[in-house]
N, C-alpha and C. Protein backbone atom coordinates (compact mmCIF):
# COMPACT_ATOMS: atom_id res chain seq x y z
N MET A 1 -30.60 58.97 18.20
CA MET A 1 -31.56 58.80 19.28
C MET A 1 -31.94 57.32 19.42
N ILE A 2 -32.17 56.65 18.28
CA ILE A 2 -32.54 55.23 18.32
C ILE A 2 -31.40 54.41 18.92
N GLN A 3 -30.15 54.73 18.48
CA GLN A 3 -29.00 53.99 19.00
C GLN A 3 -28.87 54.17 20.51
N ARG A 4 -29.06 55.40 20.99
CA ARG A 4 -28.98 55.68 22.42
C ARG A 4 -30.06 54.91 23.17
N TYR A 5 -31.27 54.85 22.62
CA TYR A 5 -32.37 54.10 23.24
C TYR A 5 -32.01 52.63 23.37
N ARG A 6 -31.39 52.08 22.30
CA ARG A 6 -31.01 50.67 22.34
C ARG A 6 -29.98 50.42 23.44
N ILE A 7 -29.01 51.34 23.60
CA ILE A 7 -27.99 51.18 24.64
C ILE A 7 -28.62 51.22 26.02
N VAL A 8 -29.52 52.17 26.25
CA VAL A 8 -30.20 52.29 27.54
C VAL A 8 -31.02 51.04 27.82
N LEU A 9 -31.73 50.55 26.79
CA LEU A 9 -32.55 49.36 26.96
C LEU A 9 -31.68 48.15 27.29
N LEU A 10 -30.54 48.00 26.59
CA LEU A 10 -29.64 46.88 26.86
C LEU A 10 -29.09 46.96 28.28
N SER A 11 -28.71 48.15 28.73
CA SER A 11 -28.21 48.32 30.08
C SER A 11 -29.26 47.93 31.10
N ALA A 12 -30.50 48.32 30.84
CA ALA A 12 -31.58 47.98 31.77
C ALA A 12 -31.79 46.47 31.84
N LEU A 13 -31.68 45.80 30.68
CA LEU A 13 -31.85 44.35 30.66
C LEU A 13 -30.73 43.65 31.42
N VAL A 14 -29.49 44.15 31.28
CA VAL A 14 -28.36 43.57 31.99
C VAL A 14 -28.54 43.73 33.49
N LEU A 15 -28.93 44.94 33.92
CA LEU A 15 -29.14 45.18 35.34
C LEU A 15 -30.25 44.30 35.88
N ALA A 16 -31.32 44.14 35.10
CA ALA A 16 -32.42 43.27 35.54
C ALA A 16 -31.95 41.84 35.68
N SER A 17 -31.09 41.40 34.76
CA SER A 17 -30.57 40.04 34.84
C SER A 17 -29.73 39.84 36.08
N LEU A 18 -28.86 40.81 36.39
CA LEU A 18 -28.03 40.71 37.59
C LEU A 18 -28.88 40.71 38.84
N THR A 19 -29.93 41.52 38.84
CA THR A 19 -30.82 41.57 40.00
C THR A 19 -31.54 40.25 40.18
N ALA A 20 -31.90 39.62 39.06
CA ALA A 20 -32.61 38.35 39.14
C ALA A 20 -31.73 37.28 39.75
N ILE A 21 -30.41 37.33 39.43
CA ILE A 21 -29.48 36.35 40.01
C ILE A 21 -29.23 36.71 41.47
N SER A 22 -28.62 37.86 41.69
CA SER A 22 -28.42 38.44 43.01
C SER A 22 -28.23 37.39 44.09
N ALA A 23 -27.32 36.48 43.87
CA ALA A 23 -27.00 35.46 44.86
C ALA A 23 -25.51 35.57 45.14
N HIS A 24 -24.92 34.53 45.68
CA HIS A 24 -23.56 34.65 46.18
C HIS A 24 -22.61 33.70 45.46
N GLN A 25 -21.73 34.29 44.66
CA GLN A 25 -20.61 33.55 44.13
C GLN A 25 -19.55 33.47 45.22
N VAL A 26 -19.04 32.28 45.44
CA VAL A 26 -18.01 32.05 46.46
C VAL A 26 -16.74 31.61 45.77
N ARG A 27 -15.62 32.26 46.15
CA ARG A 27 -14.34 31.93 45.55
C ARG A 27 -13.31 31.61 46.62
N SER A 28 -12.29 30.86 46.22
CA SER A 28 -11.22 30.42 47.12
C SER A 28 -10.48 31.61 47.72
N ILE A 29 -10.07 31.48 48.97
CA ILE A 29 -9.25 32.53 49.59
C ILE A 29 -7.77 32.31 49.30
N THR A 30 -7.42 31.19 48.66
CA THR A 30 -6.02 30.92 48.33
C THR A 30 -5.78 30.89 46.83
N SER A 31 -6.73 31.31 46.05
CA SER A 31 -6.63 31.38 44.59
C SER A 31 -6.60 30.01 43.92
N SER A 32 -7.12 28.98 44.59
CA SER A 32 -7.27 27.70 43.92
C SER A 32 -8.50 27.77 43.02
N SER A 33 -8.80 26.68 42.31
CA SER A 33 -9.90 26.70 41.34
C SER A 33 -11.26 26.38 41.95
N VAL A 34 -11.31 26.12 43.27
CA VAL A 34 -12.60 25.76 43.86
C VAL A 34 -13.52 26.97 43.94
N LYS A 35 -14.81 26.71 43.83
CA LYS A 35 -15.80 27.77 43.93
C LYS A 35 -17.13 27.16 44.33
N ALA A 36 -18.06 28.02 44.73
CA ALA A 36 -19.40 27.58 45.12
C ALA A 36 -20.40 28.64 44.70
N PHE A 37 -21.65 28.24 44.64
CA PHE A 37 -22.74 29.18 44.39
C PHE A 37 -23.79 28.95 45.46
N VAL A 38 -24.06 29.98 46.25
CA VAL A 38 -24.96 29.88 47.40
C VAL A 38 -26.09 30.87 47.20
N SER A 39 -27.34 30.39 47.33
CA SER A 39 -28.47 31.26 47.01
C SER A 39 -29.68 30.96 47.88
N SER A 40 -30.51 31.99 48.04
CA SER A 40 -31.82 31.78 48.64
C SER A 40 -32.71 31.08 47.62
N PRO A 41 -33.84 30.50 48.05
CA PRO A 41 -34.60 29.61 47.16
C PRO A 41 -35.17 30.24 45.90
N THR A 42 -35.74 31.46 45.98
CA THR A 42 -36.47 31.97 44.81
C THR A 42 -35.99 33.31 44.31
N SER A 43 -35.58 34.22 45.18
CA SER A 43 -35.18 35.56 44.73
C SER A 43 -34.36 36.24 45.81
N ALA A 44 -33.84 37.41 45.45
CA ALA A 44 -33.05 38.19 46.41
C ALA A 44 -33.90 38.69 47.57
N ASN A 45 -35.21 38.64 47.43
CA ASN A 45 -36.10 39.17 48.47
C ASN A 45 -36.60 38.10 49.43
N ASP A 46 -36.16 36.86 49.28
CA ASP A 46 -36.59 35.81 50.21
C ASP A 46 -36.20 36.19 51.64
N SER A 47 -37.14 36.04 52.55
CA SER A 47 -36.89 36.37 53.96
C SER A 47 -36.99 35.13 54.82
N PRO A 48 -36.24 35.07 55.92
CA PRO A 48 -36.43 33.98 56.88
C PRO A 48 -37.86 33.98 57.40
N VAL A 49 -38.37 32.81 57.73
CA VAL A 49 -39.75 32.67 58.20
C VAL A 49 -39.76 32.68 59.72
N ARG A 50 -40.60 33.54 60.29
CA ARG A 50 -40.71 33.63 61.75
C ARG A 50 -41.40 32.39 62.31
N ILE A 51 -40.93 31.94 63.47
CA ILE A 51 -41.59 30.85 64.18
C ILE A 51 -42.48 31.47 65.24
N GLN A 52 -43.78 31.37 65.02
CA GLN A 52 -44.77 31.99 65.90
C GLN A 52 -45.87 30.99 66.25
N TRP A 53 -46.59 31.27 67.32
CA TRP A 53 -47.80 30.51 67.59
C TRP A 53 -48.88 31.46 68.07
N VAL A 54 -50.12 31.06 67.83
CA VAL A 54 -51.27 31.91 68.12
C VAL A 54 -52.03 31.36 69.32
N ASN A 55 -52.24 32.19 70.31
CA ASN A 55 -53.04 31.83 71.48
C ASN A 55 -54.51 32.15 71.15
N PRO A 56 -55.39 31.13 71.13
CA PRO A 56 -56.78 31.35 70.69
C PRO A 56 -57.63 32.07 71.74
N THR A 57 -57.15 33.23 72.14
CA THR A 57 -57.94 34.06 73.05
C THR A 57 -58.89 34.92 72.23
N THR A 58 -59.64 35.76 72.89
CA THR A 58 -60.53 36.69 72.18
C THR A 58 -60.15 38.13 72.56
N PRO A 59 -59.53 38.86 71.62
CA PRO A 59 -59.09 38.42 70.29
C PRO A 59 -57.83 37.56 70.40
N PRO A 60 -57.52 36.78 69.36
CA PRO A 60 -56.31 35.94 69.38
C PRO A 60 -55.05 36.78 69.55
N THR A 61 -54.09 36.25 70.26
CA THR A 61 -52.80 36.91 70.42
C THR A 61 -51.71 36.03 69.83
N THR A 62 -50.73 36.67 69.22
CA THR A 62 -49.64 35.95 68.56
C THR A 62 -48.38 36.06 69.40
N TYR A 63 -47.75 34.92 69.64
CA TYR A 63 -46.49 34.89 70.38
C TYR A 63 -45.35 34.64 69.41
N ASP A 64 -44.38 35.56 69.38
CA ASP A 64 -43.22 35.43 68.50
C ASP A 64 -42.07 34.84 69.31
N THR A 65 -41.56 33.69 68.88
CA THR A 65 -40.48 33.03 69.62
C THR A 65 -39.13 33.74 69.49
N GLY A 66 -39.02 34.65 68.52
CA GLY A 66 -37.73 35.28 68.25
C GLY A 66 -36.84 34.45 67.35
N LEU A 67 -37.33 33.27 66.96
CA LEU A 67 -36.58 32.39 66.08
C LEU A 67 -37.12 32.50 64.65
N ARG A 68 -36.23 32.26 63.71
CA ARG A 68 -36.63 32.26 62.30
C ARG A 68 -35.98 31.07 61.61
N VAL A 69 -36.57 30.66 60.49
CA VAL A 69 -36.03 29.58 59.66
C VAL A 69 -35.55 30.17 58.34
N ALA A 70 -34.30 29.90 58.00
CA ALA A 70 -33.73 30.35 56.73
C ALA A 70 -33.35 29.13 55.91
N CYS A 71 -33.81 29.08 54.66
CA CYS A 71 -33.46 27.99 53.75
C CYS A 71 -32.61 28.54 52.61
N PHE A 72 -31.66 27.74 52.14
CA PHE A 72 -30.76 28.18 51.08
C PHE A 72 -30.20 26.95 50.37
N PHE A 73 -29.59 27.18 49.22
CA PHE A 73 -29.00 26.11 48.42
C PHE A 73 -27.51 26.36 48.23
N VAL A 74 -26.76 25.27 48.21
CA VAL A 74 -25.31 25.34 48.01
C VAL A 74 -24.94 24.42 46.85
N ALA A 75 -24.36 24.97 45.80
CA ALA A 75 -23.92 24.19 44.65
C ALA A 75 -22.39 24.24 44.54
N ASN A 76 -21.83 23.21 43.93
CA ASN A 76 -20.38 23.11 43.76
C ASN A 76 -20.05 23.08 42.27
N PRO A 77 -19.86 24.27 41.64
CA PRO A 77 -19.52 24.29 40.22
C PRO A 77 -18.02 24.18 39.95
N SER A 78 -17.22 23.81 40.97
CA SER A 78 -15.78 23.65 40.78
C SER A 78 -15.51 22.61 39.69
N PRO A 79 -14.46 22.80 38.90
CA PRO A 79 -14.11 21.78 37.91
C PRO A 79 -13.66 20.50 38.61
N ALA A 80 -14.11 19.36 38.11
CA ALA A 80 -13.75 18.08 38.71
C ALA A 80 -12.28 17.76 38.45
N ASP A 81 -11.66 17.10 39.40
CA ASP A 81 -10.29 16.65 39.25
C ASP A 81 -10.23 15.65 38.09
N PRO A 82 -9.33 15.85 37.13
CA PRO A 82 -9.29 14.93 35.99
C PRO A 82 -8.91 13.51 36.36
N VAL A 83 -8.26 13.33 37.50
CA VAL A 83 -7.87 11.99 37.94
C VAL A 83 -8.99 11.32 38.71
N ASP A 84 -9.69 12.09 39.53
CA ASP A 84 -10.79 11.55 40.35
C ASP A 84 -11.93 12.55 40.34
N SER A 85 -12.96 12.25 39.55
CA SER A 85 -14.05 13.21 39.33
C SER A 85 -14.93 13.42 40.55
N ASP A 86 -14.72 12.68 41.64
CA ASP A 86 -15.49 12.89 42.87
C ASP A 86 -15.02 14.13 43.64
N TRP A 87 -13.88 14.68 43.27
CA TRP A 87 -13.26 15.76 44.04
C TRP A 87 -12.98 16.96 43.16
N PRO A 88 -12.90 18.17 43.75
CA PRO A 88 -13.05 18.55 45.16
C PRO A 88 -14.51 18.58 45.59
N ARG A 89 -14.75 18.35 46.88
CA ARG A 89 -16.11 18.32 47.40
C ARG A 89 -16.28 19.40 48.46
N ILE A 90 -17.50 19.96 48.52
CA ILE A 90 -17.86 20.87 49.61
C ILE A 90 -18.22 20.01 50.82
N THR A 91 -17.52 20.24 51.92
CA THR A 91 -17.75 19.43 53.12
C THR A 91 -18.22 20.26 54.31
N SER A 92 -18.31 21.59 54.16
CA SER A 92 -18.84 22.40 55.25
C SER A 92 -19.35 23.73 54.71
N VAL A 93 -20.35 24.28 55.41
CA VAL A 93 -20.90 25.59 55.07
C VAL A 93 -21.13 26.32 56.39
N GLY A 94 -20.31 27.34 56.66
CA GLY A 94 -20.41 28.08 57.92
C GLY A 94 -20.82 29.52 57.70
N PHE A 95 -21.14 30.20 58.81
CA PHE A 95 -21.65 31.57 58.71
C PHE A 95 -21.09 32.46 59.81
N GLU A 96 -20.61 33.63 59.39
CA GLU A 96 -20.33 34.73 60.31
C GLU A 96 -21.59 35.59 60.40
N LEU A 97 -22.02 35.89 61.62
CA LEU A 97 -23.19 36.73 61.83
C LEU A 97 -22.84 37.85 62.81
N PRO A 98 -23.53 38.97 62.74
CA PRO A 98 -23.26 40.04 63.71
C PRO A 98 -23.66 39.62 65.12
N GLY A 99 -22.91 40.12 66.11
CA GLY A 99 -23.18 39.71 67.49
C GLY A 99 -22.62 38.33 67.72
N ALA A 100 -23.19 37.64 68.68
CA ALA A 100 -22.77 36.26 68.97
C ALA A 100 -23.99 35.41 69.25
N PRO A 101 -24.89 35.26 68.26
CA PRO A 101 -26.12 34.49 68.49
C PRO A 101 -25.82 33.00 68.64
N SER A 102 -26.66 32.30 69.38
CA SER A 102 -26.53 30.85 69.55
C SER A 102 -27.92 30.25 69.67
N GLY A 103 -27.99 28.94 69.49
CA GLY A 103 -29.27 28.24 69.55
C GLY A 103 -29.78 27.87 68.18
N PHE A 104 -28.86 27.61 67.24
CA PHE A 104 -29.25 27.24 65.88
C PHE A 104 -29.43 25.72 65.78
N ALA A 105 -30.30 25.30 64.86
CA ALA A 105 -30.56 23.87 64.67
C ALA A 105 -30.77 23.60 63.19
N LEU A 106 -30.28 22.45 62.74
CA LEU A 106 -30.47 22.03 61.35
C LEU A 106 -31.85 21.39 61.21
N VAL A 107 -32.71 22.02 60.41
CA VAL A 107 -34.07 21.54 60.21
C VAL A 107 -34.13 20.56 59.04
N ASP A 108 -33.34 20.82 58.00
CA ASP A 108 -33.32 19.96 56.82
C ASP A 108 -31.98 20.14 56.11
N PRO A 109 -31.32 19.07 55.69
CA PRO A 109 -31.71 17.66 55.83
C PRO A 109 -31.42 17.14 57.24
N VAL A 110 -32.16 16.11 57.64
CA VAL A 110 -31.95 15.50 58.94
C VAL A 110 -31.30 14.13 58.75
N GLY A 111 -30.64 13.65 59.78
CA GLY A 111 -29.93 12.39 59.67
C GLY A 111 -28.47 12.60 60.02
N SER A 112 -27.64 11.64 59.68
CA SER A 112 -26.24 11.69 60.09
C SER A 112 -25.31 12.26 59.02
N ASP A 113 -25.83 12.50 57.80
CA ASP A 113 -24.95 12.97 56.72
C ASP A 113 -24.41 14.37 56.99
N TRP A 114 -25.25 15.25 57.52
CA TRP A 114 -24.87 16.62 57.82
C TRP A 114 -25.23 16.93 59.27
N GLN A 115 -24.36 17.67 59.95
CA GLN A 115 -24.59 18.06 61.34
C GLN A 115 -24.28 19.54 61.51
N LEU A 116 -24.96 20.17 62.46
CA LEU A 116 -24.71 21.58 62.73
C LEU A 116 -23.91 21.73 64.01
N ARG A 117 -22.88 22.56 63.94
CA ARG A 117 -22.05 22.87 65.10
C ARG A 117 -22.00 24.38 65.28
N GLU A 118 -21.97 24.82 66.53
CA GLU A 118 -21.93 26.25 66.82
C GLU A 118 -20.55 26.67 67.31
N ASN A 119 -20.28 27.98 67.15
CA ASN A 119 -19.04 28.59 67.64
C ASN A 119 -17.80 27.81 67.18
N VAL A 120 -17.66 27.72 65.86
CA VAL A 120 -16.56 26.96 65.27
C VAL A 120 -15.42 27.92 64.95
N PRO A 121 -14.23 27.72 65.54
CA PRO A 121 -13.10 28.59 65.22
C PRO A 121 -12.55 28.28 63.84
N ALA A 122 -12.07 29.30 63.15
CA ALA A 122 -11.49 29.12 61.82
C ALA A 122 -10.43 30.19 61.60
N THR A 123 -9.49 29.89 60.74
CA THR A 123 -8.48 30.87 60.33
C THR A 123 -8.59 31.06 58.83
N LEU A 124 -8.92 32.27 58.42
CA LEU A 124 -9.11 32.59 57.01
C LEU A 124 -8.21 33.76 56.66
N ALA A 125 -7.39 33.59 55.63
CA ALA A 125 -6.50 34.65 55.18
C ALA A 125 -5.68 35.23 56.34
N GLY A 126 -5.26 34.36 57.25
CA GLY A 126 -4.45 34.78 58.38
C GLY A 126 -5.22 35.41 59.52
N GLN A 127 -6.55 35.45 59.41
CA GLN A 127 -7.38 36.05 60.45
C GLN A 127 -8.12 34.97 61.22
N ASP A 128 -8.04 35.03 62.55
CA ASP A 128 -8.79 34.10 63.39
C ASP A 128 -10.21 34.62 63.57
N ILE A 129 -11.19 33.79 63.20
CA ILE A 129 -12.59 34.18 63.31
C ILE A 129 -13.36 33.06 63.99
N THR A 130 -14.61 33.36 64.35
CA THR A 130 -15.52 32.35 64.88
C THR A 130 -16.76 32.31 64.01
N LEU A 131 -17.08 31.12 63.50
CA LEU A 131 -18.30 30.93 62.73
C LEU A 131 -19.42 30.63 63.72
N ASP A 132 -20.49 31.43 63.67
CA ASP A 132 -21.58 31.27 64.63
C ASP A 132 -22.22 29.90 64.52
N PHE A 133 -22.35 29.40 63.31
CA PHE A 133 -22.72 27.99 63.14
C PHE A 133 -22.16 27.49 61.82
N THR A 134 -21.90 26.18 61.79
CA THR A 134 -21.36 25.53 60.60
C THR A 134 -22.08 24.21 60.38
N ILE A 135 -22.49 23.98 59.14
CA ILE A 135 -23.08 22.69 58.76
C ILE A 135 -21.96 21.86 58.16
N VAL A 136 -21.68 20.70 58.76
CA VAL A 136 -20.54 19.90 58.33
C VAL A 136 -21.00 18.51 57.89
N ALA A 137 -20.36 18.00 56.85
CA ALA A 137 -20.61 16.62 56.40
C ALA A 137 -19.88 15.67 57.35
N GLY A 138 -20.41 14.46 57.46
CA GLY A 138 -19.83 13.47 58.35
C GLY A 138 -18.60 12.82 57.76
N VAL A 139 -17.52 13.60 57.61
CA VAL A 139 -16.29 13.10 57.01
C VAL A 139 -15.15 13.18 58.03
N ASN A 140 -14.06 12.46 57.75
CA ASN A 140 -12.89 12.56 58.61
C ASN A 140 -11.98 13.68 58.12
N PRO A 141 -10.84 13.94 58.77
CA PRO A 141 -9.99 15.08 58.36
C PRO A 141 -9.49 15.03 56.93
N THR A 142 -9.51 13.86 56.29
CA THR A 142 -9.08 13.77 54.90
C THR A 142 -10.22 13.97 53.91
N GLY A 143 -11.44 14.14 54.43
CA GLY A 143 -12.60 14.29 53.56
C GLY A 143 -13.30 13.00 53.24
N ARG A 144 -12.73 11.88 53.68
CA ARG A 144 -13.35 10.58 53.44
C ARG A 144 -14.48 10.33 54.43
N THR A 145 -15.42 9.50 54.02
CA THR A 145 -16.55 9.16 54.88
C THR A 145 -16.29 7.80 55.52
N PRO A 146 -16.19 7.74 56.84
CA PRO A 146 -15.93 6.46 57.51
C PRO A 146 -16.97 5.41 57.12
N GLY A 147 -16.47 4.24 56.75
CA GLY A 147 -17.36 3.14 56.40
C GLY A 147 -17.82 3.14 54.96
N ARG A 148 -17.55 4.20 54.22
CA ARG A 148 -17.97 4.26 52.81
C ARG A 148 -16.96 5.08 52.00
N PRO A 149 -15.71 4.60 51.94
CA PRO A 149 -14.64 5.37 51.29
C PRO A 149 -14.87 5.62 49.81
N GLU A 150 -15.64 4.77 49.16
CA GLU A 150 -15.87 4.95 47.72
C GLU A 150 -17.14 5.74 47.44
N ASN A 151 -17.83 6.15 48.47
CA ASN A 151 -19.07 6.90 48.30
C ASN A 151 -19.07 8.06 49.30
N PRO A 152 -18.20 9.06 49.09
CA PRO A 152 -18.00 10.11 50.09
C PRO A 152 -19.20 11.05 50.21
N LEU A 153 -19.35 11.59 51.42
CA LEU A 153 -20.36 12.61 51.64
C LEU A 153 -19.85 13.96 51.14
N GLY A 154 -20.69 14.95 51.24
CA GLY A 154 -20.34 16.27 50.75
C GLY A 154 -21.00 16.54 49.41
N ILE A 155 -20.75 17.71 48.86
CA ILE A 155 -21.37 18.14 47.61
C ILE A 155 -20.34 18.01 46.49
N PRO A 156 -20.62 17.18 45.46
CA PRO A 156 -19.63 16.89 44.43
C PRO A 156 -19.45 18.05 43.46
N PRO A 157 -18.35 18.05 42.69
CA PRO A 157 -18.08 19.13 41.75
C PRO A 157 -18.89 18.99 40.46
N GLY A 158 -18.74 20.00 39.61
CA GLY A 158 -19.35 19.95 38.28
C GLY A 158 -20.82 20.31 38.23
N GLN A 159 -21.34 20.93 39.28
CA GLN A 159 -22.76 21.30 39.29
C GLN A 159 -22.97 22.64 38.59
N PRO A 160 -24.22 22.96 38.20
CA PRO A 160 -24.46 24.23 37.51
C PRO A 160 -24.09 25.44 38.36
N ASP A 161 -23.55 26.44 37.70
CA ASP A 161 -23.17 27.69 38.36
C ASP A 161 -24.23 28.75 38.07
N MET A 162 -24.37 29.70 39.00
CA MET A 162 -25.26 30.84 38.82
C MET A 162 -26.71 30.41 38.55
N THR A 163 -27.13 29.32 39.16
CA THR A 163 -28.50 28.83 38.98
C THR A 163 -29.09 28.50 40.34
N ARG A 164 -30.19 29.14 40.67
CA ARG A 164 -30.83 28.90 41.97
C ARG A 164 -31.38 27.47 42.05
N ARG A 165 -31.55 27.01 43.29
CA ARG A 165 -32.15 25.71 43.58
C ARG A 165 -31.34 24.56 42.99
N THR A 166 -30.01 24.72 42.86
CA THR A 166 -29.16 23.62 42.45
C THR A 166 -28.24 23.26 43.61
N GLY A 167 -27.73 22.04 43.57
CA GLY A 167 -26.87 21.59 44.65
C GLY A 167 -27.69 20.97 45.77
N THR A 168 -27.34 21.30 47.00
CA THR A 168 -27.98 20.75 48.18
C THR A 168 -28.72 21.85 48.93
N GLY A 169 -29.96 21.55 49.33
CA GLY A 169 -30.75 22.52 50.08
C GLY A 169 -30.60 22.31 51.58
N PHE A 170 -30.54 23.41 52.31
CA PHE A 170 -30.45 23.38 53.77
C PHE A 170 -31.48 24.33 54.36
N CYS A 171 -32.03 23.97 55.52
CA CYS A 171 -32.88 24.87 56.30
C CYS A 171 -32.38 24.87 57.74
N VAL A 172 -32.20 26.06 58.29
CA VAL A 172 -31.67 26.22 59.65
C VAL A 172 -32.60 27.13 60.43
N SER A 173 -32.89 26.74 61.67
CA SER A 173 -33.67 27.60 62.56
C SER A 173 -32.75 28.21 63.61
N GLY A 174 -33.10 29.40 64.07
CA GLY A 174 -32.30 30.02 65.11
C GLY A 174 -32.56 31.51 65.24
N PRO A 175 -31.84 32.16 66.15
CA PRO A 175 -32.04 33.59 66.41
C PRO A 175 -31.24 34.45 65.44
N PHE A 176 -31.58 34.38 64.16
CA PHE A 176 -30.87 35.20 63.18
C PHE A 176 -31.02 36.68 63.55
N PRO A 177 -29.94 37.45 63.50
CA PRO A 177 -30.02 38.86 63.87
C PRO A 177 -31.09 39.60 63.07
N PRO A 178 -31.91 40.41 63.74
CA PRO A 178 -33.04 41.05 63.04
C PRO A 178 -32.61 42.02 61.95
N GLN A 179 -31.38 42.55 62.03
CA GLN A 179 -30.95 43.48 60.99
C GLN A 179 -30.67 42.78 59.66
N LEU A 180 -30.58 41.46 59.68
CA LEU A 180 -30.43 40.69 58.45
C LEU A 180 -31.83 40.31 57.99
N THR A 181 -32.43 41.15 57.19
CA THR A 181 -33.86 41.01 56.88
C THR A 181 -34.14 40.00 55.78
N THR A 182 -33.14 39.69 54.94
CA THR A 182 -33.34 38.70 53.88
C THR A 182 -32.34 37.56 54.06
N ILE A 183 -32.64 36.45 53.40
CA ILE A 183 -31.71 35.32 53.44
C ILE A 183 -30.39 35.68 52.77
N GLU A 184 -30.46 36.48 51.70
CA GLU A 184 -29.23 36.89 51.04
C GLU A 184 -28.35 37.72 51.97
N ASP A 185 -28.95 38.50 52.89
CA ASP A 185 -28.17 39.22 53.90
C ASP A 185 -27.39 38.24 54.77
N ILE A 186 -28.05 37.16 55.15
CA ILE A 186 -27.38 36.14 55.97
C ILE A 186 -26.24 35.50 55.19
N LEU A 187 -26.46 35.27 53.90
CA LEU A 187 -25.46 34.59 53.07
C LEU A 187 -24.21 35.44 52.84
N ASN A 188 -24.27 36.74 53.14
CA ASN A 188 -23.06 37.57 53.02
C ASN A 188 -21.90 36.99 53.82
N GLY A 189 -22.23 36.37 54.96
CA GLY A 189 -21.19 35.86 55.85
C GLY A 189 -20.85 34.41 55.64
N VAL A 190 -21.20 33.83 54.50
CA VAL A 190 -20.98 32.40 54.28
C VAL A 190 -19.48 32.10 54.12
N VAL A 191 -19.09 30.95 54.65
CA VAL A 191 -17.73 30.42 54.48
C VAL A 191 -17.88 28.95 54.07
N VAL A 192 -17.42 28.62 52.87
CA VAL A 192 -17.58 27.27 52.33
C VAL A 192 -16.26 26.53 52.44
N GLY A 193 -16.29 25.30 52.99
CA GLY A 193 -15.09 24.49 53.13
C GLY A 193 -15.03 23.38 52.09
N PHE A 194 -13.83 23.13 51.58
CA PHE A 194 -13.61 22.13 50.53
C PHE A 194 -12.56 21.11 50.96
N HIS A 195 -12.72 19.87 50.46
CA HIS A 195 -11.70 18.83 50.57
C HIS A 195 -11.33 18.35 49.17
N GLY A 196 -10.10 17.84 49.03
CA GLY A 196 -9.66 17.29 47.75
C GLY A 196 -9.31 18.37 46.75
N VAL A 197 -8.55 19.37 47.20
CA VAL A 197 -8.27 20.55 46.38
C VAL A 197 -6.96 20.38 45.60
N GLU A 198 -6.96 20.84 44.34
CA GLU A 198 -5.76 20.87 43.50
C GLU A 198 -5.11 19.50 43.37
N GLY A 199 -5.92 18.46 43.21
CA GLY A 199 -5.37 17.14 42.99
C GLY A 199 -4.79 16.47 44.22
N ASN A 200 -4.89 17.14 45.36
CA ASN A 200 -4.38 16.58 46.61
C ASN A 200 -5.56 16.10 47.43
N HIS A 201 -5.67 14.79 47.62
CA HIS A 201 -6.86 14.27 48.28
C HIS A 201 -7.07 14.88 49.65
N GLN A 202 -5.97 15.17 50.35
CA GLN A 202 -6.10 15.77 51.67
C GLN A 202 -6.01 17.29 51.63
N GLY A 203 -5.96 17.85 50.44
CA GLY A 203 -5.89 19.30 50.32
C GLY A 203 -7.21 19.95 50.70
N VAL A 204 -7.13 21.00 51.49
CA VAL A 204 -8.33 21.71 51.94
C VAL A 204 -8.24 23.17 51.54
N ASP A 205 -9.38 23.79 51.45
CA ASP A 205 -9.46 25.22 51.14
C ASP A 205 -10.79 25.74 51.65
N ALA A 206 -10.93 27.04 51.66
CA ALA A 206 -12.18 27.68 52.04
C ALA A 206 -12.46 28.81 51.07
N GLY A 207 -13.72 29.14 50.93
CA GLY A 207 -14.11 30.23 50.04
C GLY A 207 -15.11 31.14 50.70
N VAL A 208 -15.10 32.41 50.30
CA VAL A 208 -16.04 33.39 50.81
C VAL A 208 -16.66 34.14 49.63
N TRP A 209 -17.64 34.95 49.94
CA TRP A 209 -18.39 35.69 48.94
C TRP A 209 -17.48 36.60 48.12
N LEU A 210 -17.62 36.50 46.79
CA LEU A 210 -16.94 37.40 45.87
C LEU A 210 -17.85 38.59 45.63
N ALA A 211 -17.58 39.70 46.30
CA ALA A 211 -18.45 40.89 46.25
C ALA A 211 -17.84 41.95 45.35
N GLN A 212 -18.49 42.21 44.23
CA GLN A 212 -18.06 43.23 43.28
C GLN A 212 -16.61 43.02 42.85
N GLY A 213 -16.28 41.76 42.57
CA GLY A 213 -14.97 41.46 42.03
C GLY A 213 -13.87 41.23 43.04
N ALA A 214 -14.16 41.36 44.33
CA ALA A 214 -13.15 41.14 45.37
C ALA A 214 -13.75 40.31 46.49
N LEU A 215 -12.91 39.52 47.16
CA LEU A 215 -13.40 38.73 48.28
C LEU A 215 -13.86 39.68 49.40
N ARG A 216 -14.95 39.33 50.05
CA ARG A 216 -15.49 40.19 51.09
C ARG A 216 -14.51 40.25 52.27
N PRO A 217 -14.65 41.29 53.13
CA PRO A 217 -13.72 41.44 54.25
C PRO A 217 -13.78 40.23 55.20
N ILE A 218 -12.63 39.91 55.79
CA ILE A 218 -12.52 38.86 56.79
C ILE A 218 -11.83 39.47 58.01
N PRO A 219 -12.47 39.48 59.19
CA PRO A 219 -13.85 39.09 59.44
C PRO A 219 -14.84 40.08 58.82
N LEU A 220 -16.07 39.64 58.70
CA LEU A 220 -17.09 40.48 58.08
C LEU A 220 -17.66 41.46 59.09
N TYR A 221 -17.81 41.04 60.36
CA TYR A 221 -18.42 41.90 61.38
C TYR A 221 -17.41 42.17 62.50
């Protein structure tokens, strides 16, 4: 009886640990060594924040814009290239969402290092898809940053894996579909782009969510 109790207790602790992580491991669609870890800021229950304003009438009335802000972190735990430790780098983070929403904007970080683009076509595992929005680093097709070749943009390798709030934080506003009630729901459709893969400076790859030991369906919706 004591041994059985210990097994049940251990199982409960393991499940609790997995629930606490409950974020998104991203793996290559071509079986290269690149990977990413994408997570909401604090827990699996983080929800996008509604953008609302209150009209000071009597009684006050609240106007919901239909827009929400979702914040998340992207880390690059890929092993660094032994020849050039700056590579491979994450240079884009895109999302498949249900429907065809538009009107997204990058709230953070602001500036020229990262830009948001909508309706970005992509081919993954032989399937043509459209990413509703993609956050891209200001790099050229080889992954280099114009004007600063020795200091490239993007997210460098060797960062902690399976740890929230590591890597680079992003916040995006827009008409996220209401059926995606948590940020982790939104992250199901993440597509991460890499440059400098497998020792080839111009080598590119993409990764998607590794769900229960297998890459998630492409397209997702």
